[in-house]
Amino acid sequence: MNYDELLAPAAKAMRPSGIRKFFDLAADMPHCISLGVGEPDFKTPWSVRDAGIRSLEQGRTKYTANAGLKELRAEICRYLARRFELQYEPEQTLVTVGGSEAIDLAIRALVQPGDEVIIPEPCFVCYEPITQLTGGVPVPVATRAEDEFRLTAAQLRAAITPRTKLLILPYPNNPTGAVMSQQDLEKLAEVLRGTKVMVLSDEIYSELTYGLDRHVSFASLPGMAERTIVVNGFSKSYAMTGWRLGYAAGPEPVISVMTKIHQSCIMSAPTTSQYAAITALRQCDDQIEMMRDEYNRRRRYVVRALNEMGLTCFDPRGAFYVFPSIQCSGLSSQEFCERLLQEKEVAIVPGDAFGASGEGYARISYAYSVDHLQTAMHRIRAFLQEHGWYKG
């Protein structure tokens, strides 16, 4: 069999995840300090784990409705109203296998061959390949460090063409930690008014913002709910990565089509996870605050340590990543991260894994203990000193 002829060209052309590459390499190094994966080091809150255990003990192990438990979807609507002033009904929500499935469903429901999808970069790795698998055309827009990696209205206006179908709005941002203020978002909304461009607002880090201003959802702006699909989930806010549970909320006609695709591909999200998530939404606001405060402490430490070394980075205001420049080394992002891993057994992710505009940077996650972070910073400092790149 000639599998090269049989495999779909778009699938063959997909790049492997640059995040997982370094994670897999680190797994074979017993003394490696990995700062590569965006996974909370906290345990899922006990009340949530207990709810999952009780659901199993009560024999709740069958399929749920395709769109998810109605009780959970109603709770999601109450949560979105309480935390972000978003108004949805259960019929406008869909429970998915992680936020990643919701992103996939939204793109497949909207994008036809030849449609253009505007993707601000650097960004999470899945938007471009999913767009390409649908026959869509990714239109990367390189955000800049001097703008704190925020998408500007001028950049958006310049990227829109008659073929533009979708704007992906990935804020708070992975990998940069950038956030968009209400004023920033209002400028984008003004550009979109009068167009038919839809928006996929990936808000998985919405609870992890630092400073006085809380996250503002693009869908909360006047006239934007009708064109916006909000994607969120439980992995980051509630330390529930392995439970694989996310959701989408948006206009009912779009959610209905996404649900049909979900019916054919998945059937329903994990039942145990759905019962646990109800408890998370009802009881765990205080746990969110506790984890956010701890991430903020780690954020301040890592930003200060990196800047003192000469790996300059702006002050990220969301998620749990910093995105320092490694240009002082004269190496590419890939070379820098490979040598740091080989010589000091510290795993971080090359910036170009998140798009071409990430070249010259690296992503470091601070979703790890302070002891873990301190050891890693000590090794990175020694690495820079040994090569004459240390600027402290």
Protein backbone atom coordinates (compact mmCIF):
# COMPACT_ATOMS: atom_id res chain seq x y z
CA MET A 1 0.00 0.00 0.00
CA ASN A 2 1.24 3.46 -0.90
CA TYR A 3 0.07 5.33 2.17
CA ASP A 4 1.59 8.57 0.94
CA GLU A 5 -0.99 8.57 -1.89
CA LEU A 6 -3.85 7.49 0.37
CA LEU A 7 -3.46 10.04 3.15
CA ALA A 8 -5.26 13.38 2.84
CA PRO A 9 -2.78 16.12 1.80
CA ALA A 10 -4.09 18.60 4.40
CA ALA A 11 -3.64 16.03 7.16
CA LYS A 12 -0.14 15.12 6.00
CA ALA A 13 0.86 18.78 5.90
CA MET A 14 -0.07 19.40 9.55
CA ARG A 15 2.86 20.37 11.75
CA PRO A 16 3.35 18.28 14.89
CA SER A 17 2.84 20.20 18.10
CA GLY A 18 5.97 22.12 19.11
CA ILE A 19 4.74 21.98 22.70
CA ARG A 20 4.53 18.21 22.89
CA LYS A 21 7.93 17.76 21.23
CA PHE A 22 9.80 19.29 24.15
CA PHE A 23 7.47 17.69 26.69
CA ASP A 24 8.28 14.25 25.22
CA LEU A 25 12.02 14.95 25.24
CA ALA A 26 11.88 16.08 28.86
CA ALA A 27 9.99 12.91 29.85
CA ASP A 28 13.12 10.86 29.09
CA MET A 29 15.33 13.02 31.34
CA PRO A 30 14.76 12.08 35.00
CA HIS A 31 16.31 15.28 36.41
CA CYS A 32 14.73 17.64 33.91
CA ILE A 33 12.80 20.68 35.11
CA SER A 34 9.92 21.13 32.69
CA LEU A 35 8.24 24.51 32.31
CA GLY A 36 6.74 23.52 29.00
CA VAL A 37 3.17 22.37 29.57
CA GLY A 38 0.30 24.67 30.48
CA GLU A 39 -1.19 22.51 33.19
CA PRO A 40 -2.06 23.68 36.72
CA ASP A 41 -0.04 21.98 39.44
CA PHE A 42 -3.02 22.21 41.80
CA LYS A 43 -5.28 19.26 42.44
CA THR A 44 -8.86 19.54 41.30
CA PRO A 45 -10.78 20.99 44.29
CA TRP A 46 -11.97 18.24 46.63
CA SER A 47 -15.66 19.12 46.33
CA VAL A 48 -15.39 18.62 42.56
CA ARG A 49 -13.57 15.30 42.88
CA ASP A 50 -16.14 14.19 45.46
CA ALA A 51 -19.00 15.04 43.10
CA GLY A 52 -17.38 12.92 40.41
CA ILE A 53 -16.92 10.01 42.82
CA ARG A 54 -20.54 10.27 43.97
CA SER A 55 -21.79 10.26 40.38
CA LEU A 56 -19.98 6.95 39.84
CA GLU A 57 -21.27 5.47 43.07
CA GLN A 58 -24.81 6.40 42.04
CA GLY A 59 -24.38 4.60 38.73
CA ARG A 60 -24.49 7.73 36.58
CA THR A 61 -22.39 6.16 33.86
CA LYS A 62 -24.61 6.41 30.77
CA TYR A 63 -24.57 8.86 27.89
CA THR A 64 -25.98 12.29 28.56
CA ALA A 65 -27.89 14.38 26.04
CA ASN A 66 -25.64 15.23 23.11
CA ALA A 67 -25.42 18.89 24.07
CA GLY A 68 -24.66 18.00 27.69
CA LEU A 69 -26.65 17.74 30.89
CA LYS A 70 -29.33 20.43 30.90
CA GLU A 71 -28.53 21.11 34.56
CA LEU A 72 -24.90 21.78 33.62
CA ARG A 73 -25.80 23.99 30.67
CA ALA A 74 -28.11 26.04 32.89
CA GLU A 75 -25.31 26.39 35.44
CA ILE A 76 -22.90 27.50 32.70
CA CYS A 77 -25.37 30.23 31.73
CA ARG A 78 -25.62 31.41 35.33
CA TYR A 79 -21.83 31.38 35.65
CA LEU A 80 -21.31 33.43 32.47
CA ALA A 81 -23.89 35.97 33.64
CA ARG A 82 -22.39 36.18 37.13
CA ARG A 83 -18.75 36.46 36.14
CA PHE A 84 -18.79 38.13 32.70
CA GLU A 85 -22.23 39.72 32.19
CA LEU A 86 -23.07 37.36 29.32
CA GLN A 87 -26.69 36.36 28.76
CA TYR A 88 -27.30 32.90 27.31
CA GLU A 89 -29.98 30.22 27.50
CA PRO A 90 -29.16 26.50 27.77
CA GLU A 91 -30.16 26.05 24.11
CA GLN A 92 -27.30 28.40 23.21
CA THR A 93 -24.65 26.27 24.92
CA LEU A 94 -22.87 23.04 24.03
CA VAL A 95 -20.73 20.95 26.39
CA THR A 96 -17.63 19.58 24.66
CA VAL A 97 -14.59 17.41 25.26
CA GLY A 98 -12.35 20.24 26.38
CA GLY A 99 -12.21 23.70 24.91
CA SER A 100 -10.23 22.25 22.00
CA GLU A 101 -13.24 20.36 20.68
CA ALA A 102 -15.34 23.51 20.89
CA ILE A 103 -12.75 25.34 18.76
CA ASP A 104 -12.74 22.52 16.22
CA LEU A 105 -16.55 22.43 16.03
CA ALA A 106 -16.85 26.20 15.62
CA ILE A 107 -14.36 26.32 12.77
CA ARG A 108 -15.90 23.33 11.00
CA ALA A 109 -19.41 24.74 11.37
CA LEU A 110 -18.48 28.08 9.80
CA VAL A 111 -15.52 27.75 7.45
CA GLN A 112 -15.89 26.58 3.86
CA PRO A 113 -13.09 25.96 1.34
CA GLY A 114 -11.52 29.28 0.42
CA ASP A 115 -12.86 31.18 3.42
CA GLU A 116 -10.25 33.23 5.23
CA VAL A 117 -9.69 32.98 8.99
CA ILE A 118 -7.79 35.80 10.70
CA ILE A 119 -5.49 34.42 13.40
CA PRO A 120 -3.51 36.81 15.63
CA GLU A 121 -0.11 35.29 16.41
CA PRO A 122 1.68 34.14 18.49
CA CYS A 123 -1.18 31.88 19.54
CA PHE A 124 -2.25 28.40 20.59
CA VAL A 125 -1.19 25.76 18.09
CA CYS A 126 -4.55 24.34 16.95
CA TYR A 127 -6.24 27.21 15.09
CA GLU A 128 -4.21 27.04 11.89
CA PRO A 129 -4.29 23.26 11.29
CA ILE A 130 -8.02 22.99 11.99
CA THR A 131 -8.64 25.83 9.53
CA GLN A 132 -6.55 24.07 6.90
CA LEU A 133 -8.35 20.75 7.40
CA THR A 134 -11.65 22.48 6.52
CA GLY A 135 -10.16 23.96 3.35
CA GLY A 136 -10.03 27.41 4.92
CA VAL A 137 -7.17 29.85 4.46
CA PRO A 138 -5.36 30.94 7.64
CA VAL A 139 -4.46 34.64 7.64
CA PRO A 140 -1.87 35.12 10.39
CA VAL A 141 -1.51 38.60 11.86
CA ALA A 142 1.76 39.15 13.70
CA THR A 143 1.15 41.01 16.95
CA ARG A 144 4.10 42.91 18.38
CA ALA A 145 5.88 43.09 21.71
CA GLU A 146 5.64 46.91 21.64
CA ASP A 147 1.83 46.50 21.60
CA GLU A 148 2.09 43.88 24.38
CA PHE A 149 1.03 41.32 21.75
CA ARG A 150 -2.48 42.78 21.47
CA LEU A 151 -4.33 42.79 18.16
CA THR A 152 -4.85 46.38 17.03
CA ALA A 153 -7.81 47.78 15.13
CA ALA A 154 -5.49 48.86 12.31
CA GLN A 155 -4.11 45.32 11.95
CA LEU A 156 -7.61 43.84 11.90
CA ARG A 157 -8.86 46.35 9.33
CA ALA A 158 -5.90 45.62 7.05
CA ALA A 159 -6.46 41.85 7.27
CA ILE A 160 -10.17 41.82 6.35
CA THR A 161 -11.03 40.96 2.74
CA PRO A 162 -14.28 39.97 0.99
CA ARG A 163 -13.36 36.32 1.75
CA THR A 164 -12.95 36.80 5.50
CA LYS A 165 -15.32 34.51 7.41
CA LEU A 166 -13.91 34.31 10.92
CA LEU A 167 -11.70 36.18 13.37
CA ILE A 168 -10.13 34.13 16.14
CA LEU A 169 -9.67 36.19 19.29
CA PRO A 170 -7.36 34.27 21.65
CA TYR A 171 -7.28 36.42 24.79
CA PRO A 172 -6.06 36.09 27.49
CA ASN A 173 -3.35 34.75 25.27
CA ASN A 174 -1.34 31.56 25.20
CA PRO A 175 1.70 31.89 24.87
CA THR A 176 2.26 35.60 25.57
CA GLY A 177 0.00 36.28 28.56
CA ALA A 178 -1.43 39.29 26.72
CA VAL A 179 -4.92 40.56 27.54
CA MET A 180 -7.32 42.88 25.73
CA SER A 181 -8.97 45.64 27.73
CA GLN A 182 -12.54 46.72 27.11
CA GLN A 183 -11.21 49.74 25.24
CA ASP A 184 -9.06 47.50 23.03
CA LEU A 185 -12.03 45.26 22.26
CA GLU A 186 -14.35 48.17 21.51
CA LYS A 187 -11.94 49.32 18.79
CA LEU A 188 -12.06 45.87 17.20
CA ALA A 189 -15.86 45.82 17.45
CA GLU A 190 -16.04 49.10 15.58
CA VAL A 191 -14.05 47.56 12.73
CA LEU A 192 -16.38 44.54 12.58
CA ARG A 193 -19.67 46.45 12.61
CA GLY A 194 -21.19 46.36 9.15
CA THR A 195 -19.28 43.21 8.16
CA LYS A 196 -20.38 39.56 8.19
CA VAL A 197 -17.25 38.39 9.98
CA MET A 198 -17.87 35.98 12.85
CA VAL A 199 -15.66 35.84 15.94
CA LEU A 200 -14.39 32.80 17.83
CA SER A 201 -13.43 34.16 21.25
CA ASP A 202 -11.23 31.61 23.01
CA GLU A 203 -11.61 32.59 26.67
CA ILE A 204 -10.22 29.50 28.39
CA TYR A 205 -7.98 31.72 30.56
CA SER A 206 -10.72 34.24 31.38
CA GLU A 207 -10.46 33.66 35.14
CA LEU A 208 -6.69 34.05 35.17
CA THR A 209 -6.11 37.79 34.82
CA TYR A 210 -4.00 39.92 37.12
CA GLY A 211 -4.40 43.51 38.19
CA LEU A 212 -7.45 45.63 38.86
CA ASP A 213 -9.28 44.95 35.60
CA ARG A 214 -11.16 41.66 35.20
CA HIS A 215 -11.51 39.88 31.88
CA VAL A 216 -14.03 41.41 29.47
CA SER A 217 -15.69 39.05 27.00
CA PHE A 218 -15.96 40.28 23.43
CA ALA A 219 -19.54 38.97 23.35
CA SER A 220 -20.52 41.41 26.13
CA LEU A 221 -19.96 44.45 23.87
CA PRO A 222 -23.03 46.01 22.19
CA GLY A 223 -24.01 44.11 19.05
CA MET A 224 -21.21 41.54 19.29
CA ALA A 225 -23.06 38.58 20.88
CA GLU A 226 -24.83 37.83 17.60
CA ARG A 227 -21.51 37.30 15.80
CA THR A 228 -19.46 35.70 18.61
CA ILE A 229 -18.93 32.11 19.73
CA VAL A 230 -17.44 32.07 23.23
CA VAL A 231 -15.24 29.07 24.02
CA ASN A 232 -14.38 28.30 27.62
CA GLY A 233 -13.88 25.32 29.89
CA PHE A 234 -12.81 23.88 33.21
CA SER A 235 -9.20 22.85 32.62
CA LYS A 236 -7.38 26.02 33.61
CA SER A 237 -9.73 27.77 36.06
CA TYR A 238 -10.57 24.68 38.11
CA ALA A 239 -7.40 22.59 37.57
CA MET A 240 -9.45 19.98 35.68
CA THR A 241 -7.26 19.29 32.64
CA GLY A 242 -7.67 15.51 32.72
CA TRP A 243 -11.45 15.71 33.08
CA ARG A 244 -11.60 16.94 29.45
CA LEU A 245 -14.54 19.30 29.65
CA GLY A 246 -15.24 22.56 27.86
CA TYR A 247 -18.13 24.40 26.30
CA ALA A 248 -19.23 26.85 23.65
CA ALA A 249 -21.90 29.54 23.93
CA GLY A 250 -23.24 31.59 21.06
CA PRO A 251 -26.06 32.21 18.61
CA GLU A 252 -28.46 29.27 18.65
CA PRO A 253 -28.30 28.59 14.86
CA VAL A 254 -24.50 28.19 15.07
CA ILE A 255 -24.57 26.14 18.28
CA SER A 256 -27.22 23.88 16.70
CA VAL A 257 -24.94 23.03 13.77
CA MET A 258 -21.96 22.55 16.07
CA THR A 259 -24.10 20.14 18.10
CA LYS A 260 -24.90 18.08 14.99
CA ILE A 261 -21.18 17.69 14.26
CA HIS A 262 -20.58 16.82 17.91
CA GLN A 263 -23.34 14.16 17.71
CA SER A 264 -21.58 12.42 14.85
CA CYS A 265 -18.03 12.67 16.16
CA ILE A 266 -18.25 12.45 19.94
CA MET A 267 -21.85 11.67 21.08
CA SER A 268 -21.48 13.43 24.44
CA ALA A 269 -18.81 14.70 26.81
CA PRO A 270 -17.78 12.44 29.74
CA THR A 271 -20.72 11.98 32.10
CA THR A 272 -18.68 11.89 35.32
CA SER A 273 -16.93 15.12 34.34
CA GLN A 274 -20.23 16.85 33.68
CA TYR A 275 -21.60 16.09 37.15
CA ALA A 276 -18.33 17.23 38.70
CA ALA A 277 -18.44 20.47 36.69
CA ILE A 278 -21.84 21.40 38.14
CA THR A 279 -20.26 21.44 41.57
CA ALA A 280 -17.27 23.43 40.29
CA LEU A 281 -19.53 26.18 38.97
CA ARG A 282 -21.68 26.28 42.12
CA GLN A 283 -19.09 26.02 44.85
CA CYS A 284 -15.59 26.89 43.70
CA ASP A 285 -15.37 30.64 43.12
CA ASP A 286 -13.13 30.84 46.19
CA GLN A 287 -10.82 28.16 44.77
CA ILE A 288 -10.45 30.20 41.58
CA GLU A 289 -9.39 33.21 43.65
CA MET A 290 -6.89 31.15 45.65
CA MET A 291 -5.25 29.70 42.55
CA ARG A 292 -5.20 33.08 40.80
CA ASP A 293 -3.44 34.67 43.77
CA GLU A 294 -0.79 31.96 43.79
CA TYR A 295 -0.24 32.22 40.03
CA ASN A 296 0.15 35.97 40.44
CA ARG A 297 2.87 35.46 43.05
CA ARG A 298 4.71 33.11 40.73
CA ARG A 299 4.21 35.46 37.78
CA ARG A 300 5.88 38.35 39.58
CA TYR A 301 8.83 36.19 40.61
CA VAL A 302 9.46 34.75 37.11
CA VAL A 303 9.10 38.08 35.28
CA ARG A 304 11.54 39.75 37.67
CA ALA A 305 14.05 36.88 37.48
CA LEU A 306 14.03 36.78 33.66
CA ASN A 307 14.35 40.52 33.23
CA GLU A 308 17.27 40.59 35.68
CA MET A 309 19.04 37.97 33.55
CA GLY A 310 18.55 39.92 30.33
CA LEU A 311 15.78 37.70 28.91
CA THR A 312 13.46 40.67 28.66
CA CYS A 313 9.73 40.21 28.74
CA PHE A 314 6.76 42.49 29.19
CA ASP A 315 4.54 42.07 32.23
CA PRO A 316 1.91 39.48 31.19
CA ARG A 317 -1.56 40.19 32.53
CA GLY A 318 -3.28 36.87 31.89
CA ALA A 319 -2.99 33.07 31.64
CA PHE A 320 0.08 31.51 33.28
CA TYR A 321 2.86 32.10 30.76
CA VAL A 322 5.69 34.53 30.19
CA PHE A 323 7.15 35.09 26.73
CA PRO A 324 10.72 36.35 27.10
CA SER A 325 12.95 37.42 24.23
CA ILE A 326 15.94 35.13 23.74
CA GLN A 327 17.50 37.32 21.02
CA CYS A 328 20.47 38.23 23.24
CA SER A 329 21.79 34.71 22.57
CA GLY A 330 21.92 35.11 18.79
CA LEU A 331 20.27 31.68 18.52
CA SER A 332 16.98 30.75 16.96
CA SER A 333 14.17 29.83 19.33
CA GLN A 334 14.58 26.16 18.50
CA GLU A 335 18.36 26.23 19.01
CA PHE A 336 18.09 28.08 22.31
CA CYS A 337 15.52 25.68 23.76
CA GLU A 338 17.33 22.59 22.51
CA ARG A 339 20.65 23.69 24.02
CA LEU A 340 19.03 24.70 27.31
CA LEU A 341 17.42 21.27 27.50
CA GLN A 342 20.62 19.40 26.62
CA GLU A 343 22.97 21.42 28.81
CA LYS A 344 20.84 22.32 31.83
CA GLU A 345 17.86 19.96 31.61
CA VAL A 346 15.28 22.74 31.58
CA ALA A 347 12.43 22.36 29.10
CA ILE A 348 10.72 25.45 27.70
CA VAL A 349 8.92 25.88 24.37
CA PRO A 350 10.35 27.71 21.33
CA GLY A 351 8.34 30.77 20.40
CA ASP A 352 8.02 29.74 16.75
CA ALA A 353 5.86 26.79 17.85
CA PHE A 354 3.12 29.43 18.18
CA GLY A 355 3.56 30.97 14.74
CA ALA A 356 6.36 32.59 12.76
CA SER A 357 6.06 35.83 14.73
CA GLY A 358 7.10 33.93 17.86
CA GLU A 359 10.63 33.51 16.54
CA GLY A 360 13.12 35.10 18.90
CA TYR A 361 11.03 34.26 21.97
CA ALA A 362 10.28 31.27 24.20
CA ARG A 363 7.28 30.32 26.29
CA ILE A 364 7.74 29.57 29.97
CA SER A 365 4.82 28.34 32.06
CA TYR A 366 4.65 29.34 35.71
CA ALA A 367 1.93 26.82 36.55
CA TYR A 368 4.46 25.07 38.77
CA SER A 369 5.56 25.28 42.40
CA VAL A 370 7.84 28.10 43.53
CA ASP A 371 10.59 25.57 44.36
CA HIS A 372 10.31 24.17 40.83
CA LEU A 373 10.49 27.66 39.33
CA GLN A 374 13.43 28.74 41.49
CA THR A 375 15.46 25.69 40.45
CA ALA A 376 14.68 26.36 36.80
CA MET A 377 15.62 30.05 37.06
CA HIS A 378 18.94 29.11 38.70
CA ARG A 379 19.74 26.73 35.83
CA ILE A 380 18.74 29.25 33.15
CA ARG A 381 20.92 31.90 34.79
CA ALA A 382 23.89 29.51 34.82
CA PHE A 383 23.24 28.65 31.15
CA LEU A 384 23.35 32.32 30.17
CA GLN A 385 26.45 33.01 32.26
CA GLU A 386 28.39 30.12 30.77
CA HIS A 387 27.75 31.39 27.24
CA GLY A 388 28.36 35.08 27.98
CA TRP A 389 24.71 36.06 27.45
CA TYR A 390 23.93 37.01 31.03
CA LYS A 391 23.06 40.71 31.40
CA GLY A 392 22.51 40.95 35.14
